[in-house]
Amino acid sequence: VGTVGLEPGDSKPLERGSLLLDPNRHACSWKGEPVRLTVTEFLILQALATRPGYVKSRDNLMDAAYDDQVYVDDRTIDSHIKRIRKKFRESDKSFDAIETLYGVGYRYKED
């Protein structure tokens, strides 16, 4: 993915192995197949994939996905992660790029 057509202030698409996230278009694909994510799911996945291998706590992910005015229970993040995995597994049954570290949080597997 090149940077052709990027406007000033645009973010470069994020590529992690089979994952492609384009924040300018709110587009996500896995192995070339589009995956439709809500805004919140997109932001959570982006927060994880930006630093593969690094653990993000539920609080970190809530900060990435919600503004300070919104209160959500930390278990809400678990529900979002579950839905994200389900959406990816619809096109790839073996999707396992998001790891759960019980009692700590989540991380995106390093390539």
N, C-alpha and C. Protein backbone atom coordinates (compact mmCIF):
# COMPACT_ATOMS: atom_id res chain seq x y z
N VAL A 1 0.85 -1.18 0.00
CA VAL A 1 0.00 0.00 0.00
C VAL A 1 0.89 1.23 0.00
N GLY A 2 0.75 2.07 -0.98
CA GLY A 2 1.56 3.27 -1.07
C GLY A 2 0.89 4.43 -0.40
N THR A 3 1.55 5.57 -0.47
CA THR A 3 0.99 6.77 0.14
C THR A 3 0.41 7.69 -0.92
N VAL A 4 0.27 7.17 -2.15
CA VAL A 4 -0.31 7.96 -3.23
C VAL A 4 -1.74 8.32 -2.87
N GLY A 5 -2.11 9.58 -3.07
CA GLY A 5 -3.48 10.00 -2.81
C GLY A 5 -3.75 10.41 -1.38
N LEU A 6 -2.73 10.37 -0.52
CA LEU A 6 -2.94 10.82 0.85
C LEU A 6 -2.98 12.33 0.89
N GLU A 7 -3.95 12.85 1.60
CA GLU A 7 -4.07 14.29 1.80
C GLU A 7 -3.27 14.67 3.04
N PRO A 8 -2.88 15.95 3.16
CA PRO A 8 -2.22 16.37 4.40
C PRO A 8 -3.11 16.05 5.59
N GLY A 9 -2.54 15.48 6.63
CA GLY A 9 -3.31 15.12 7.81
C GLY A 9 -3.87 13.71 7.77
N ASP A 10 -3.82 13.05 6.61
CA ASP A 10 -4.28 11.67 6.52
C ASP A 10 -3.29 10.74 7.25
N SER A 11 -3.80 9.64 7.72
CA SER A 11 -2.96 8.64 8.34
C SER A 11 -2.61 7.58 7.30
N LYS A 12 -1.38 7.07 7.40
CA LYS A 12 -1.02 5.99 6.48
C LYS A 12 -1.76 4.72 6.90
N PRO A 13 -2.20 3.93 5.91
CA PRO A 13 -2.82 2.64 6.26
C PRO A 13 -1.84 1.79 7.07
N LEU A 14 -2.38 0.99 7.96
CA LEU A 14 -1.60 0.14 8.84
C LEU A 14 -1.66 -1.28 8.31
N GLU A 15 -0.49 -1.85 8.02
CA GLU A 15 -0.42 -3.23 7.54
C GLU A 15 0.31 -4.08 8.56
N ARG A 16 -0.31 -5.17 8.95
CA ARG A 16 0.30 -6.14 9.87
C ARG A 16 0.04 -7.53 9.31
N GLY A 17 0.97 -8.05 8.54
CA GLY A 17 0.77 -9.36 7.95
C GLY A 17 -0.46 -9.36 7.06
N SER A 18 -1.47 -10.15 7.41
CA SER A 18 -2.70 -10.27 6.62
C SER A 18 -3.70 -9.15 6.89
N LEU A 19 -3.43 -8.32 7.90
CA LEU A 19 -4.35 -7.25 8.29
C LEU A 19 -4.00 -5.95 7.58
N LEU A 20 -5.03 -5.28 7.07
CA LEU A 20 -4.87 -3.94 6.52
C LEU A 20 -5.96 -3.06 7.13
N LEU A 21 -5.53 -1.98 7.80
CA LEU A 21 -6.46 -1.02 8.38
C LEU A 21 -6.20 0.34 7.73
N ASP A 22 -7.22 0.92 7.15
CA ASP A 22 -7.10 2.24 6.55
C ASP A 22 -8.00 3.21 7.31
N PRO A 23 -7.43 3.98 8.24
CA PRO A 23 -8.25 4.87 9.06
C PRO A 23 -8.92 5.98 8.27
N ASN A 24 -8.36 6.38 7.14
CA ASN A 24 -8.96 7.45 6.34
C ASN A 24 -10.27 7.00 5.71
N ARG A 25 -10.33 5.73 5.36
CA ARG A 25 -11.53 5.18 4.72
C ARG A 25 -12.37 4.34 5.68
N HIS A 26 -11.88 4.19 6.90
CA HIS A 26 -12.49 3.30 7.89
C HIS A 26 -12.68 1.92 7.25
N ALA A 27 -11.61 1.46 6.58
CA ALA A 27 -11.66 0.18 5.89
C ALA A 27 -10.73 -0.81 6.58
N CYS A 28 -11.18 -2.05 6.63
CA CYS A 28 -10.41 -3.11 7.23
C CYS A 28 -10.50 -4.33 6.32
N SER A 29 -9.37 -5.00 6.12
CA SER A 29 -9.41 -6.26 5.38
C SER A 29 -8.44 -7.26 6.01
N TRP A 30 -8.75 -8.52 5.81
CA TRP A 30 -7.94 -9.63 6.30
C TRP A 30 -7.72 -10.57 5.12
N LYS A 31 -6.48 -10.78 4.76
CA LYS A 31 -6.13 -11.62 3.61
C LYS A 31 -6.89 -11.16 2.36
N GLY A 32 -7.01 -9.84 2.21
CA GLY A 32 -7.66 -9.27 1.03
C GLY A 32 -9.17 -9.22 1.08
N GLU A 33 -9.78 -9.84 2.10
CA GLU A 33 -11.23 -9.86 2.23
C GLU A 33 -11.67 -8.73 3.16
N PRO A 34 -12.67 -7.93 2.75
CA PRO A 34 -13.13 -6.85 3.63
C PRO A 34 -13.78 -7.40 4.90
N VAL A 35 -13.52 -6.71 6.02
CA VAL A 35 -14.14 -7.05 7.30
C VAL A 35 -14.82 -5.78 7.78
N ARG A 36 -16.13 -5.86 7.98
CA ARG A 36 -16.89 -4.67 8.39
C ARG A 36 -16.86 -4.54 9.91
N LEU A 37 -16.29 -3.44 10.37
CA LEU A 37 -16.18 -3.19 11.80
C LEU A 37 -16.92 -1.91 12.17
N THR A 38 -17.45 -1.89 13.38
CA THR A 38 -18.02 -0.64 13.89
C THR A 38 -16.86 0.31 14.18
N VAL A 39 -17.17 1.56 14.42
CA VAL A 39 -16.12 2.54 14.75
C VAL A 39 -15.35 2.09 15.99
N THR A 40 -16.06 1.65 17.01
CA THR A 40 -15.42 1.23 18.25
C THR A 40 -14.53 0.01 18.01
N GLU A 41 -15.02 -0.98 17.27
CA GLU A 41 -14.21 -2.18 16.98
C GLU A 41 -12.96 -1.79 16.20
N PHE A 42 -13.11 -0.90 15.24
CA PHE A 42 -11.99 -0.44 14.43
C PHE A 42 -10.92 0.21 15.33
N LEU A 43 -11.36 1.09 16.23
CA LEU A 43 -10.41 1.78 17.11
C LEU A 43 -9.70 0.82 18.06
N ILE A 44 -10.41 -0.17 18.56
CA ILE A 44 -9.79 -1.17 19.44
C ILE A 44 -8.76 -1.98 18.67
N LEU A 45 -9.12 -2.45 17.48
CA LEU A 45 -8.19 -3.22 16.67
C LEU A 45 -6.98 -2.38 16.28
N GLN A 46 -7.21 -1.14 15.93
CA GLN A 46 -6.12 -0.24 15.57
C GLN A 46 -5.16 -0.06 16.75
N ALA A 47 -5.71 0.11 17.95
CA ALA A 47 -4.88 0.28 19.15
C ALA A 47 -4.01 -0.96 19.38
N LEU A 48 -4.57 -2.14 19.15
CA LEU A 48 -3.81 -3.37 19.34
C LEU A 48 -2.76 -3.57 18.25
N ALA A 49 -3.15 -3.35 17.00
CA ALA A 49 -2.27 -3.64 15.86
C ALA A 49 -1.16 -2.61 15.69
N THR A 50 -1.34 -1.43 16.26
CA THR A 50 -0.31 -0.40 16.14
C THR A 50 1.00 -0.85 16.79
N ARG A 51 0.90 -1.59 17.89
CA ARG A 51 2.11 -2.07 18.57
C ARG A 51 1.98 -3.57 18.84
N PRO A 52 2.22 -4.39 17.81
CA PRO A 52 2.11 -5.84 18.00
C PRO A 52 3.05 -6.33 19.10
N GLY A 53 2.55 -7.28 19.86
CA GLY A 53 3.36 -7.86 20.92
C GLY A 53 3.23 -7.12 22.25
N TYR A 54 2.76 -5.87 22.21
CA TYR A 54 2.59 -5.10 23.43
C TYR A 54 1.20 -5.33 24.00
N VAL A 55 1.13 -5.53 25.30
CA VAL A 55 -0.15 -5.79 25.96
C VAL A 55 -0.88 -4.47 26.20
N LYS A 56 -2.17 -4.48 25.87
CA LYS A 56 -3.04 -3.34 26.15
C LYS A 56 -4.06 -3.79 27.18
N SER A 57 -4.15 -3.06 28.26
CA SER A 57 -5.16 -3.38 29.28
C SER A 57 -6.53 -2.95 28.77
N ARG A 58 -7.56 -3.41 29.44
CA ARG A 58 -8.91 -2.98 29.07
C ARG A 58 -9.03 -1.46 29.15
N ASP A 59 -8.40 -0.87 30.19
CA ASP A 59 -8.43 0.59 30.33
C ASP A 59 -7.77 1.27 29.14
N ASN A 60 -6.62 0.76 28.69
CA ASN A 60 -5.95 1.32 27.51
C ASN A 60 -6.88 1.28 26.31
N LEU A 61 -7.56 0.16 26.14
CA LEU A 61 -8.45 -0.01 24.98
C LEU A 61 -9.69 0.87 25.10
N MET A 62 -10.19 1.05 26.31
CA MET A 62 -11.33 1.95 26.50
C MET A 62 -10.92 3.38 26.15
N ASP A 63 -9.70 3.78 26.57
CA ASP A 63 -9.22 5.12 26.25
C ASP A 63 -9.09 5.32 24.74
N ALA A 64 -8.68 4.27 24.03
CA ALA A 64 -8.50 4.36 22.58
C ALA A 64 -9.84 4.43 21.85
N ALA A 65 -10.86 3.79 22.41
CA ALA A 65 -12.12 3.64 21.69
C ALA A 65 -13.22 4.62 22.10
N TYR A 66 -13.11 5.17 23.29
CA TYR A 66 -14.18 6.03 23.81
C TYR A 66 -13.59 7.35 24.28
N ASP A 67 -14.37 8.42 24.13
CA ASP A 67 -13.88 9.67 24.70
C ASP A 67 -14.16 9.69 26.21
N ASP A 68 -13.59 10.66 26.88
CA ASP A 68 -13.66 10.70 28.34
C ASP A 68 -15.08 10.89 28.88
N GLN A 69 -15.99 11.33 28.03
CA GLN A 69 -17.35 11.62 28.48
C GLN A 69 -18.19 10.35 28.62
N VAL A 70 -17.69 9.25 28.06
CA VAL A 70 -18.49 8.03 28.03
C VAL A 70 -17.96 7.06 29.07
N TYR A 71 -18.86 6.55 29.92
CA TYR A 71 -18.46 5.52 30.86
C TYR A 71 -18.91 4.17 30.32
N VAL A 72 -17.97 3.25 30.24
CA VAL A 72 -18.33 1.88 29.88
C VAL A 72 -17.64 0.94 30.87
N ASP A 73 -18.30 -0.15 31.14
CA ASP A 73 -17.74 -1.18 31.98
C ASP A 73 -16.57 -1.83 31.25
N ASP A 74 -15.53 -2.22 31.99
CA ASP A 74 -14.37 -2.80 31.30
C ASP A 74 -14.71 -4.12 30.60
N ARG A 75 -15.77 -4.78 31.02
CA ARG A 75 -16.19 -6.03 30.36
C ARG A 75 -16.75 -5.75 28.96
N THR A 76 -17.11 -4.51 28.70
CA THR A 76 -17.57 -4.13 27.37
C THR A 76 -16.47 -4.39 26.35
N ILE A 77 -15.24 -4.16 26.75
CA ILE A 77 -14.09 -4.42 25.86
C ILE A 77 -14.05 -5.90 25.49
N ASP A 78 -14.30 -6.77 26.47
CA ASP A 78 -14.33 -8.21 26.19
C ASP A 78 -15.36 -8.54 25.12
N SER A 79 -16.52 -7.91 25.21
CA SER A 79 -17.57 -8.14 24.21
C SER A 79 -17.13 -7.66 22.83
N HIS A 80 -16.49 -6.50 22.78
CA HIS A 80 -15.99 -5.99 21.49
C HIS A 80 -14.95 -6.94 20.89
N ILE A 81 -14.04 -7.41 21.72
CA ILE A 81 -13.00 -8.33 21.24
C ILE A 81 -13.64 -9.60 20.69
N LYS A 82 -14.64 -10.11 21.41
CA LYS A 82 -15.35 -11.32 20.97
C LYS A 82 -15.99 -11.11 19.59
N ARG A 83 -16.63 -9.94 19.40
CA ARG A 83 -17.26 -9.64 18.12
C ARG A 83 -16.23 -9.45 17.00
N ILE A 84 -15.12 -8.81 17.33
CA ILE A 84 -14.05 -8.63 16.34
C ILE A 84 -13.56 -10.00 15.86
N ARG A 85 -13.26 -10.88 16.81
CA ARG A 85 -12.79 -12.22 16.45
C ARG A 85 -13.81 -12.94 15.58
N LYS A 86 -15.08 -12.85 15.96
CA LYS A 86 -16.14 -13.52 15.20
C LYS A 86 -16.18 -13.02 13.76
N LYS A 87 -16.08 -11.71 13.58
CA LYS A 87 -16.13 -11.14 12.23
C LYS A 87 -14.96 -11.62 11.38
N PHE A 88 -13.77 -11.70 11.97
CA PHE A 88 -12.61 -12.17 11.22
C PHE A 88 -12.72 -13.66 10.91
N ARG A 89 -13.29 -14.42 11.85
CA ARG A 89 -13.41 -15.88 11.65
C ARG A 89 -14.46 -16.24 10.61
N GLU A 90 -15.32 -15.27 10.25
CA GLU A 90 -16.27 -15.54 9.17
C GLU A 90 -15.54 -15.74 7.85
N SER A 91 -14.40 -15.08 7.66
CA SER A 91 -13.64 -15.27 6.42
C SER A 91 -12.41 -16.15 6.63
N ASP A 92 -11.95 -16.29 7.88
CA ASP A 92 -10.77 -17.11 8.16
C ASP A 92 -10.98 -17.83 9.49
N LYS A 93 -11.36 -19.10 9.40
CA LYS A 93 -11.68 -19.89 10.59
C LYS A 93 -10.51 -19.97 11.58
N SER A 94 -9.28 -19.81 11.07
CA SER A 94 -8.10 -19.97 11.92
C SER A 94 -7.58 -18.64 12.48
N PHE A 95 -8.37 -17.56 12.34
CA PHE A 95 -7.93 -16.25 12.85
C PHE A 95 -7.61 -16.33 14.34
N ASP A 96 -6.38 -15.95 14.69
CA ASP A 96 -5.98 -15.96 16.11
C ASP A 96 -5.00 -14.83 16.42
N ALA A 97 -5.12 -13.73 15.71
CA ALA A 97 -4.16 -12.64 15.84
C ALA A 97 -4.32 -11.84 17.14
N ILE A 98 -5.48 -11.93 17.78
CA ILE A 98 -5.69 -11.21 19.03
C ILE A 98 -5.60 -12.21 20.18
N GLU A 99 -4.61 -12.01 21.03
CA GLU A 99 -4.39 -12.90 22.16
C GLU A 99 -4.97 -12.30 23.43
N THR A 100 -5.55 -13.15 24.27
CA THR A 100 -6.03 -12.75 25.58
C THR A 100 -4.97 -13.12 26.61
N LEU A 101 -4.60 -12.16 27.44
CA LEU A 101 -3.71 -12.43 28.56
C LEU A 101 -4.56 -12.24 29.81
N TYR A 102 -5.04 -13.35 30.35
CA TYR A 102 -5.99 -13.30 31.43
C TYR A 102 -5.47 -12.48 32.61
N GLY A 103 -6.30 -11.57 33.08
CA GLY A 103 -5.94 -10.71 34.19
C GLY A 103 -5.08 -9.52 33.80
N VAL A 104 -4.68 -9.45 32.53
CA VAL A 104 -3.80 -8.37 32.08
C VAL A 104 -4.45 -7.55 30.98
N GLY A 105 -4.86 -8.21 29.91
CA GLY A 105 -5.47 -7.50 28.79
C GLY A 105 -5.36 -8.29 27.50
N TYR A 106 -5.09 -7.59 26.42
CA TYR A 106 -5.03 -8.20 25.10
C TYR A 106 -3.79 -7.72 24.35
N ARG A 107 -3.37 -8.52 23.38
CA ARG A 107 -2.30 -8.05 22.51
C ARG A 107 -2.50 -8.65 21.12
N TYR A 108 -1.99 -7.89 20.15
CA TYR A 108 -2.00 -8.34 18.76
C TYR A 108 -0.72 -9.12 18.56
N LYS A 109 -0.82 -10.33 18.01
CA LYS A 109 0.37 -11.17 17.81
C LYS A 109 1.36 -10.50 16.87
N GLU A 110 2.62 -10.63 17.20
CA GLU A 110 3.66 -10.12 16.31
C GLU A 110 3.72 -11.02 15.09
N ASP A 111 4.02 -10.39 13.93
CA ASP A 111 4.10 -11.16 12.68
C ASP A 111 5.24 -12.15 12.72
